[in-house]
Every structure is written in C-alpha cells, then in structure tokens.
Amino acid sequence: MPSLYVHVPFCIQKCDYCAFYSHGLTDYSKELIPLYLEGLEMEMANHQKDAPQGVSSLFIGGGTPTALPLENLDHLLKLIIRNFSFAERAEKTTEGNPGTLTREKLILLREYGINRFSLGVQAFDDNLLRNVGRIHSAQQARDGVQLLRTLGFANINLDLMFGLPGQSMSLWKKSVEEALSYRPEHLSLYGLMLEEGTPLYDRFGEGLDGAESTGAQGLPDDDVQADMQEWAVEHLEKAGYLHYETSNFALPGFECRHNLGYWRGEEYLGLGPGGVSCLKRIRQKNVENVRAYWASLHEGKEPLDEEGKEMLSLEDCMAERMILGLRLREGVSFTKFREDFGVDLRNIYGDVLERYRNRDCFVIRGDRLSLNEKYAFVANGILREFVRGAG
C-alpha cells in the first residue's frame, strides 16, 4: 500500500530560498489552476490501479495548498477522495502558510478528513521573515496556530528555519521558545540551503564575492549554525520531544507517518506537476510545467519530465536505504536489510563502516545501525559515502 503525495504548484509568491516548482498567484498563473485540476483528475484516474487497496497516508504539499481559492481547494479534495481509498486511521496532512489560512478553508479541510496540518512559520520575527521573502508576519503565524487549534486540529507541525540572513543565536532561541509555547505535536527544524536559481543564492551563493555574507544581515557561519542545531536538539529533548529524524522532532506517537515511509524505503505515489513516484523499483518524475503536464495527459501520455522513468538497480535501492534510514534515530535494521536485499549490509558497506570506525560516527544497538547524533550537522557528507562505498 503506497503513500500518496499531491503537489500543488501555486503560492502567493515564491520565497527567496525556494527551489520547488511553483507559481506565484498572478493573474496569469490563476489561469493555470483549471488546467492543473483537469490534468490531476486525468492522472489520478490513471493511477488508481497503483493503489488497489488504497493508500497508507496522504500529504498535500507545494507550493502552498492553502493559497488556492476555496472552490479550487474543494475541487482538489473531491478528486482525492473520489479516486483513492485510505487505510484505517490514515494520516492526512496538508501544508499551509500563515497569511493564507481562513476559517472557511480550514473547516473544509476538516470536513474532508485532513487530520494533520503543517504550518510554514520559519521564524517568529518580522525582520527575518522579510529577509527571505516570506509574505506573512510573526503575528499571522501566531494567529494561524490559534485558528488551527480553535477548529480542532490536534496534530500540528511547525516548520522553523535556522541559518537565515541576520539571524543570531538569540533570535533562533526566541523562535524555538515561542514555537514550544504552543506545544505543537511536531516540529521540523531546517537549516537554510542555498539553491541555485533562487534570489538568496544570487546574494550569498558559491562563486560570489560574498560581500553580503557578513554583517548584520549576513548568513550565520557554519559553526554558529551547528551551535543552533545542537542547542535546539538538547532543548527540545528536555521539553519531551523525540528527535526521531535529523531535522524532525515529535511528541511520542506523533512522528510523521508519511515521511517515515520515505525514510524506510516504502513505495510512494507522487501526483501533480513535479510529483515523484517510486513503485516496484521504478522512479519517475512529472514535468514541472502545468501546461505541458495537462497536454501530455490530454493526449493520453504520461506527463513525465525529459528523464522519464528510471529503473533503480539493487545497488541504488541499497544505497538509498542507508542514506535515508540513517537519518532516522532508529537507524537501519540489519534483519530488514537482509530480508529486502538478500545480503548483510556489513558485507556491502563494510569499508564505509571501517573508514569511520575510529571517529565513532556509527552506533550499533542490537539489530540496528544508526548515526551518532553528534554528527547530525554534517550527516549529509557522511551519508554520501554510501553512494560510492559499496563493495
């Protein structure tokens, strides 16, 4: 039973750090919404066969799903419910940003069974929000949390970012402390990534003279960002949150089941322009263009990007299991790895484990291999070793 992700490629305006496929809602892009929904209806009908027993979880992301006008949001939810059944007590998440929430939209989401909401706060500080092109204020974020609670959402995630331009350790602590005051069931804490093609990359990215990278509005350096992450981990664990994945924290029982599916190597179906699916070791990505997406489906073709479908090798799947699984506190099960791939992971990645043995990077507890938490900030560099480390 795969999970289901539906991409909504619209937002009020793109943030300065965002590299995801989306359109700001100008008059031009509003004309794309009917094409998007018509294409999605065709794509969903085509993929019902991939989830004959239903889907295990739902995640509506973007973009900003709650940026859609009420009637379009209603249409989207109708399509999902009409085309897919769900596992009993399935987790159903929608993303949204402060400044796009209305009582009517949230009531609609509740009526369609959405039982988890992920709110993109990023910071409880107006200057920091302006520095990265966010459309909302800190007060709108506070109002959003209160409205979600008032309307009965009992599973809320708050996204926060560290490493923002002009962000000091004290400002980071202030945002985390305020987030904790609302006692959300889940918190996602992400370090700012400079993605090519974004305004922030143009200001601070590699190959530039770095003139703006210092001073009051510059980026915190790597040491400060590492301190920010380390402080947050310790502080949230003291507050009762489980640090169950590199960037994610949850009260017991509120870990994001949808994302756990990705990290554990389970199958997923991703629909909409830019959506990515992985079923039966075949990965495919949809074209990141609403008109091309609609046109392909209208012609009876799959709306794939130029790379089309990719058949993952056994080596690809094993490497992904390690890279994603080691982001989890639970780590990777030796038994499950052997069951899924027919080999002992120590026979495949013994050289990688040996290379880092004296640095205490990995921990073995019973049947599980996990990453030492003190290396969380540099985890990506270590985990890349598994791509080239087989043998």
Protein backbone atom coordinates (compact mmCIF):
# COMPACT_ATOMS: atom_id res chain seq x y z
CA MET A 1 0.00 0.00 0.00
CA PRO A 2 1.83 3.15 -1.18
CA SER A 3 1.61 6.60 0.34
CA LEU A 4 0.17 9.45 -1.73
CA TYR A 5 1.71 12.89 -2.29
CA VAL A 6 -0.18 15.56 -4.26
CA HIS A 7 1.79 18.60 -5.41
CA VAL A 8 0.03 21.97 -5.58
CA PRO A 9 2.28 24.26 -7.64
CA PHE A 10 0.82 27.59 -6.52
CA CYS A 11 1.62 30.07 -3.77
CA ILE A 12 1.04 33.76 -3.14
CA GLN A 13 4.64 34.48 -4.10
CA LYS A 14 7.82 32.41 -4.12
CA CYS A 15 10.13 32.78 -1.14
CA ASP A 16 13.69 33.87 -1.84
CA TYR A 17 15.13 30.44 -0.90
CA CYS A 18 12.55 28.22 -2.61
CA ALA A 19 13.64 25.93 -5.46
CA PHE A 20 10.44 23.84 -5.52
CA TYR A 21 8.27 24.10 -8.61
CA SER A 22 5.52 26.67 -8.02
CA HIS A 23 3.90 29.77 -9.46
CA GLY A 24 3.09 32.95 -7.60
CA LEU A 25 -0.61 33.70 -7.97
CA THR A 26 -0.57 36.45 -10.57
CA ASP A 27 -3.47 36.84 -12.98
CA TYR A 28 -1.51 34.69 -15.44
CA SER A 29 -0.91 31.82 -13.05
CA LYS A 30 -4.52 31.84 -11.85
CA GLU A 31 -5.42 30.80 -15.38
CA LEU A 32 -3.32 27.68 -14.84
CA ILE A 33 -5.40 26.39 -11.90
CA PRO A 34 -8.21 24.88 -14.04
CA LEU A 35 -5.61 23.17 -16.28
CA TYR A 36 -3.83 21.82 -13.21
CA LEU A 37 -7.04 20.39 -11.74
CA GLU A 38 -8.16 18.92 -15.05
CA GLY A 39 -4.76 17.29 -15.52
CA LEU A 40 -4.79 16.00 -11.94
CA GLU A 41 -8.18 14.40 -12.48
CA MET A 42 -6.84 12.51 -15.50
CA GLU A 43 -3.64 11.49 -13.73
CA MET A 44 -5.48 10.23 -10.66
CA ALA A 45 -7.77 8.10 -12.81
CA ASN A 46 -4.70 6.60 -14.50
CA HIS A 47 -3.06 5.71 -11.19
CA GLN A 48 -5.95 4.15 -9.30
CA LYS A 49 -4.52 0.80 -10.40
CA ASP A 50 -1.33 1.51 -8.44
CA ALA A 51 -3.22 1.59 -5.14
CA PRO A 52 -5.95 -1.08 -5.45
CA GLN A 53 -6.13 -1.47 -1.67
CA GLY A 54 -5.88 2.26 -1.02
CA VAL A 55 -3.06 4.47 0.22
CA SER A 56 -1.38 4.42 3.60
CA SER A 57 -1.14 8.20 4.05
CA LEU A 58 -1.77 11.49 2.26
CA PHE A 59 0.39 14.59 2.04
CA ILE A 60 -0.81 17.64 0.09
CA GLY A 61 2.21 19.89 -0.40
CA GLY A 62 3.55 22.59 -2.60
CA GLY A 63 3.76 25.46 -3.21
CA THR A 64 1.08 26.41 -0.77
CA PRO A 65 -2.11 24.33 -0.98
CA THR A 66 -4.00 26.85 1.17
CA ALA A 67 -3.19 29.59 -1.36
CA LEU A 68 -5.82 28.03 -3.65
CA PRO A 69 -9.19 29.79 -3.70
CA LEU A 70 -11.80 27.97 -1.63
CA GLU A 71 -13.67 26.49 -4.62
CA ASN A 72 -10.43 25.16 -6.14
CA LEU A 73 -9.32 23.66 -2.84
CA ASP A 74 -12.71 21.95 -2.58
CA HIS A 75 -12.29 20.59 -6.13
CA LEU A 76 -8.83 19.23 -5.28
CA LEU A 77 -10.03 17.45 -2.16
CA LYS A 78 -13.00 15.97 -4.03
CA LEU A 79 -10.64 14.50 -6.63
CA ILE A 80 -8.51 12.83 -3.98
CA ILE A 81 -11.45 11.33 -2.08
CA ARG A 82 -13.14 10.22 -5.30
CA ASN A 83 -10.10 8.38 -6.66
CA PHE A 84 -8.40 6.85 -3.61
CA SER A 85 -9.40 4.97 -0.52
CA PHE A 86 -7.38 5.17 2.66
CA ALA A 87 -6.07 2.82 5.28
CA GLU A 88 -7.98 2.89 8.54
CA ARG A 89 -6.96 5.92 10.66
CA ALA A 90 -4.67 7.11 7.87
CA GLU A 91 -2.61 10.23 8.47
CA LYS A 92 -3.74 13.00 6.10
CA THR A 93 -1.57 16.13 6.04
CA THR A 94 -1.92 19.47 4.31
CA GLU A 95 0.77 22.12 4.20
CA GLY A 96 -0.10 25.79 4.51
CA ASN A 97 1.45 29.15 5.26
CA PRO A 98 0.34 31.92 7.62
CA GLY A 99 -1.40 34.61 5.62
CA THR A 100 -3.28 32.03 3.52
CA LEU A 101 -5.40 30.46 6.26
CA THR A 102 -9.07 31.25 6.56
CA ARG A 103 -11.71 29.75 8.79
CA GLU A 104 -13.60 28.55 5.72
CA LYS A 105 -10.62 26.75 4.20
CA LEU A 106 -9.67 25.04 7.44
CA ILE A 107 -13.26 23.92 8.08
CA LEU A 108 -13.29 22.50 4.55
CA LEU A 109 -10.07 20.57 5.19
CA ARG A 110 -11.51 19.12 8.39
CA GLU A 111 -14.69 18.08 6.57
CA TYR A 112 -12.59 16.10 4.07
CA GLY A 113 -10.77 14.27 6.84
CA ILE A 114 -7.48 16.19 6.95
CA ASN A 115 -6.18 15.37 10.42
CA ARG A 116 -2.68 16.87 10.37
CA PHE A 117 -1.57 20.37 9.40
CA SER A 118 1.97 21.53 8.67
CA LEU A 119 2.36 25.29 9.10
CA GLY A 120 5.33 27.06 7.49
CA VAL A 121 6.25 29.53 10.24
CA GLN A 122 10.05 29.65 9.63
CA ALA A 123 10.62 32.40 12.24
CA PHE A 124 8.67 34.42 14.80
CA ASP A 125 10.48 37.60 13.78
CA ASP A 126 9.29 40.04 11.12
CA ASN A 127 12.75 41.17 10.03
CA LEU A 128 13.96 37.60 9.48
CA LEU A 129 10.81 36.80 7.53
CA ARG A 130 11.30 39.83 5.27
CA ASN A 131 14.95 38.88 4.73
CA VAL A 132 13.88 35.67 2.97
CA GLY A 133 10.81 36.98 1.15
CA ARG A 134 8.09 35.46 3.32
CA ILE A 135 4.68 37.07 2.83
CA HIS A 136 3.45 36.71 6.40
CA SER A 137 4.20 38.38 9.69
CA ALA A 138 5.02 36.76 13.02
CA GLN A 139 1.58 37.78 14.27
CA GLN A 140 -0.10 35.99 11.37
CA ALA A 141 1.81 32.86 12.35
CA ARG A 142 0.56 33.18 15.93
CA ASP A 143 -2.99 33.75 14.68
CA GLY A 144 -2.67 30.71 12.40
CA VAL A 145 -1.71 28.38 15.23
CA GLN A 146 -4.60 29.66 17.33
CA LEU A 147 -7.09 29.23 14.48
CA LEU A 148 -5.92 25.68 13.83
CA ARG A 149 -6.42 24.79 17.49
CA THR A 150 -9.80 26.52 17.64
CA LEU A 151 -11.01 24.48 14.67
CA GLY A 152 -9.95 21.19 16.21
CA PHE A 153 -6.61 20.30 14.62
CA ALA A 154 -4.96 18.06 17.19
CA ASN A 155 -1.85 17.22 15.18
CA ILE A 156 0.09 20.31 14.11
CA ASN A 157 3.62 20.62 12.75
CA LEU A 158 5.50 23.91 12.80
CA ASP A 159 8.38 24.46 10.37
CA LEU A 160 11.26 26.64 11.58
CA MET A 161 14.49 27.58 9.81
CA PHE A 162 17.93 28.40 11.15
CA GLY A 163 20.87 29.99 9.34
CA LEU A 164 18.71 32.82 7.98
CA PRO A 165 20.23 36.17 6.95
CA GLY A 166 20.56 38.34 10.05
CA GLN A 167 19.66 35.52 12.45
CA SER A 168 21.63 35.43 15.69
CA MET A 169 21.62 32.63 18.24
CA SER A 170 19.36 34.71 20.49
CA LEU A 171 16.82 35.22 17.68
CA TRP A 172 16.89 31.49 16.92
CA LYS A 173 16.27 30.65 20.56
CA LYS A 174 13.39 33.14 20.63
CA SER A 175 11.64 31.44 17.69
CA VAL A 176 12.11 27.95 19.13
CA GLU A 177 10.89 29.04 22.57
CA GLU A 178 7.79 30.66 21.11
CA ALA A 179 7.05 27.59 18.99
CA LEU A 180 7.31 25.42 22.10
CA SER A 181 4.87 27.68 23.95
CA TYR A 182 2.13 26.44 21.59
CA ARG A 183 3.03 22.80 22.34
CA PRO A 184 2.80 21.58 18.72
CA GLU A 185 2.77 17.83 18.29
CA HIS A 186 5.60 18.06 15.76
CA LEU A 187 8.44 20.42 14.86
CA SER A 188 10.62 20.45 11.73
CA LEU A 189 13.83 22.47 12.02
CA TYR A 190 15.69 23.06 8.77
CA GLY A 191 18.98 24.76 8.04
CA LEU A 192 18.82 27.26 5.17
CA MET A 193 20.02 25.72 1.90
CA LEU A 194 21.24 27.99 -0.90
CA GLU A 195 19.69 26.56 -4.06
CA GLU A 196 20.85 27.68 -7.50
CA GLY A 197 18.36 29.85 -9.32
CA THR A 198 16.94 31.44 -6.17
CA PRO A 199 17.36 35.08 -5.07
CA LEU A 200 19.21 34.04 -1.91
CA TYR A 201 21.71 32.04 -3.96
CA ASP A 202 22.33 35.11 -6.08
CA ARG A 203 23.06 37.07 -2.90
CA PHE A 204 25.08 34.53 -0.93
CA GLY A 205 25.85 31.52 -3.13
CA GLU A 206 29.09 29.96 -4.21
CA GLY A 207 31.25 31.85 -6.67
CA LEU A 208 30.06 35.25 -5.49
CA ASP A 209 32.28 37.78 -3.81
CA GLY A 210 30.49 37.22 -0.50
CA ALA A 211 30.10 40.93 0.12
CA GLU A 212 26.67 40.44 1.63
CA SER A 213 27.58 37.34 3.60
CA THR A 214 28.87 39.30 6.56
CA GLY A 215 27.37 41.93 8.81
CA ALA A 216 24.00 42.29 10.47
CA GLN A 217 22.08 40.85 7.50
CA GLY A 218 24.63 38.19 6.57
CA LEU A 219 24.37 34.43 6.97
CA PRO A 220 25.47 32.82 10.24
CA ASP A 221 28.63 30.81 9.63
CA ASP A 222 28.74 27.01 9.80
CA ASP A 223 29.92 26.97 13.42
CA VAL A 224 27.03 29.18 14.53
CA GLN A 225 24.55 27.05 12.58
CA ALA A 226 25.94 23.89 14.17
CA ASP A 227 25.50 25.53 17.58
CA MET A 228 21.91 26.46 16.65
CA GLN A 229 21.10 22.87 15.77
CA GLU A 230 22.85 21.43 18.81
CA TRP A 231 21.06 23.80 21.18
CA ALA A 232 17.68 23.05 19.60
CA VAL A 233 18.18 19.28 19.87
CA GLU A 234 19.05 19.49 23.56
CA HIS A 235 16.28 21.98 24.32
CA LEU A 236 13.53 20.07 22.52
CA GLU A 237 14.51 16.75 24.04
CA LYS A 238 14.30 18.32 27.51
CA ALA A 239 10.82 19.55 26.54
CA GLY A 240 9.71 15.97 25.82
CA TYR A 241 10.17 15.82 22.04
CA LEU A 242 11.73 12.80 20.34
CA HIS A 243 14.50 13.66 17.89
CA TYR A 244 13.42 10.86 15.59
CA GLU A 245 14.97 12.17 12.34
CA THR A 246 17.82 14.57 11.60
CA SER A 247 15.51 17.58 11.17
CA ASN A 248 12.33 16.37 12.86
CA PHE A 249 11.01 16.22 16.41
CA ALA A 250 7.73 14.85 17.73
CA LEU A 251 5.86 14.23 20.91
CA PRO A 252 5.62 10.44 21.41
CA GLY A 253 3.19 8.95 18.89
CA PHE A 254 3.15 11.98 16.59
CA GLU A 255 6.04 11.13 14.28
CA CYS A 256 5.09 11.94 10.67
CA ARG A 257 3.99 8.58 9.30
CA HIS A 258 4.03 9.80 5.70
CA ASN A 259 7.67 10.88 5.83
CA LEU A 260 8.66 7.78 7.79
CA GLY A 261 7.51 5.83 4.75
CA TYR A 262 10.04 7.63 2.54
CA TRP A 263 12.87 7.18 5.03
CA ARG A 264 12.11 3.47 5.50
CA GLY A 265 12.13 2.75 1.77
CA GLU A 266 8.40 2.20 1.29
CA GLU A 267 6.63 2.83 -2.03
CA TYR A 268 5.05 6.19 -2.82
CA LEU A 269 2.89 7.78 -5.48
CA GLY A 270 3.51 11.45 -6.31
CA LEU A 271 0.95 13.27 -8.46
CA GLY A 272 0.74 16.72 -9.97
CA PRO A 273 3.38 18.72 -11.92
CA GLY A 274 6.77 17.91 -10.40
CA GLY A 275 5.41 14.94 -8.44
CA VAL A 276 7.78 11.99 -7.97
CA SER A 277 6.71 8.34 -7.66
CA CYS A 278 8.64 5.20 -6.80
CA LEU A 279 6.78 1.94 -7.32
CA LYS A 280 8.27 -1.52 -7.92
CA ARG A 281 11.78 -0.01 -8.14
CA ILE A 282 10.69 2.35 -10.92
CA ARG A 283 11.10 6.05 -10.17
CA GLN A 284 9.50 8.69 -12.34
CA LYS A 285 9.12 12.44 -12.11
CA ASN A 286 6.41 14.56 -13.68
CA VAL A 287 7.26 17.55 -15.82
CA GLU A 288 7.48 20.84 -13.91
CA ASN A 289 5.15 22.75 -16.21
CA VAL A 290 1.38 22.92 -15.78
CA ARG A 291 0.60 23.34 -19.47
CA ALA A 292 2.93 20.52 -20.57
CA TYR A 293 1.54 18.34 -17.75
CA TRP A 294 -2.04 18.93 -18.91
CA ALA A 295 -1.16 18.49 -22.61
CA SER A 296 0.54 15.13 -22.08
CA LEU A 297 -2.37 13.75 -20.10
CA HIS A 298 -4.86 15.18 -22.62
CA GLU A 299 -3.01 13.25 -25.34
CA GLY A 300 -3.11 10.04 -23.31
CA LYS A 301 0.58 10.15 -22.39
CA GLU A 302 2.33 10.07 -19.05
CA PRO A 303 3.32 13.63 -18.02
CA LEU A 304 6.97 12.79 -17.41
CA ASP A 305 9.95 15.11 -17.47
CA GLU A 306 12.71 14.59 -20.01
CA GLU A 307 14.42 11.93 -17.93
CA GLY A 308 11.25 9.82 -17.97
CA LYS A 309 11.30 6.59 -15.97
CA GLU A 310 14.33 5.25 -14.15
CA MET A 311 14.69 1.61 -13.20
CA LEU A 312 16.55 1.57 -9.90
CA SER A 313 19.28 -1.05 -9.59
CA LEU A 314 19.64 -3.17 -6.48
CA GLU A 315 22.71 -1.08 -5.62
CA ASP A 316 20.67 2.14 -5.96
CA CYS A 317 18.00 0.82 -3.60
CA MET A 318 20.53 -0.36 -1.04
CA ALA A 319 22.33 2.99 -1.05
CA GLU A 320 19.05 4.88 -0.64
CA ARG A 321 18.02 2.63 2.24
CA MET A 322 21.25 3.53 4.03
CA ILE A 323 21.19 7.25 3.22
CA LEU A 324 17.56 7.74 4.23
CA GLY A 325 17.42 5.17 7.01
CA LEU A 326 20.45 6.57 8.80
CA ARG A 327 18.73 9.95 9.03
CA LEU A 328 16.36 8.25 11.45
CA ARG A 329 17.17 7.82 15.10
CA GLU A 330 16.03 4.21 14.81
CA GLY A 331 18.60 3.68 12.05
CA VAL A 332 18.67 0.71 9.68
CA SER A 333 17.72 -2.82 10.72
CA PHE A 334 20.27 -5.48 9.76
CA THR A 335 17.46 -8.05 9.59
CA LYS A 336 15.17 -5.94 7.39
CA PHE A 337 18.05 -5.05 5.07
CA ARG A 338 18.86 -8.75 4.64
CA GLU A 339 15.19 -9.60 4.06
CA ASP A 340 14.78 -6.89 1.41
CA PHE A 341 18.09 -7.25 -0.43
CA GLY A 342 19.33 -10.76 0.35
CA VAL A 343 22.70 -9.63 1.74
CA ASP A 344 24.18 -8.43 5.01
CA LEU A 345 24.74 -4.68 4.88
CA ARG A 346 28.12 -5.19 6.58
CA ASN A 347 29.26 -7.20 3.57
CA ILE A 348 28.24 -4.37 1.24
CA TYR A 349 29.28 -1.32 3.23
CA GLY A 350 31.97 -2.75 5.49
CA ASP A 351 34.60 -0.41 4.05
CA VAL A 352 32.48 2.67 4.86
CA LEU A 353 31.85 1.50 8.41
CA GLU A 354 35.53 0.73 8.88
CA ARG A 355 36.57 4.10 7.48
CA TYR A 356 34.58 5.90 10.18
CA ARG A 357 35.02 3.37 12.99
CA ASN A 358 37.68 5.30 14.89
CA ARG A 359 35.64 8.51 14.65
CA ASP A 360 32.66 6.95 16.43
CA CYS A 361 30.26 8.03 13.65
CA PHE A 362 28.08 4.92 13.78
CA VAL A 363 26.38 3.16 16.66
CA ILE A 364 25.17 -0.46 16.72
CA ARG A 365 22.36 -1.25 19.15
CA GLY A 366 21.10 -4.79 18.86
CA ASP A 367 19.75 -5.27 15.35
CA ARG A 368 20.17 -1.63 14.28
CA LEU A 369 22.87 0.58 12.85
CA SER A 370 22.42 4.30 13.47
CA LEU A 371 24.35 7.55 13.07
CA ASN A 372 25.87 9.13 16.17
CA GLU A 373 23.73 12.20 16.89
CA LYS A 374 26.72 14.45 17.40
CA TYR A 375 27.37 14.20 13.66
CA ALA A 376 23.86 15.33 12.66
CA PHE A 377 25.01 18.69 11.28
CA VAL A 378 27.45 17.02 8.87
CA ALA A 379 25.30 13.94 8.24
CA ASN A 380 24.87 14.58 4.52
CA GLY A 381 28.61 14.45 3.90
CA ILE A 382 28.95 11.16 5.76
CA LEU A 383 25.89 9.57 4.19
CA ARG A 384 27.09 10.34 0.66
CA GLU A 385 29.79 7.73 1.32
CA PHE A 386 27.15 5.04 0.87
CA VAL A 387 26.62 6.02 -2.76
CA ARG A 388 30.22 5.23 -3.65
CA GLY A 389 31.07 2.89 -0.81
CA ALA A 390 29.58 -0.45 -1.87
CA GLY A 391 31.99 -3.34 -2.07
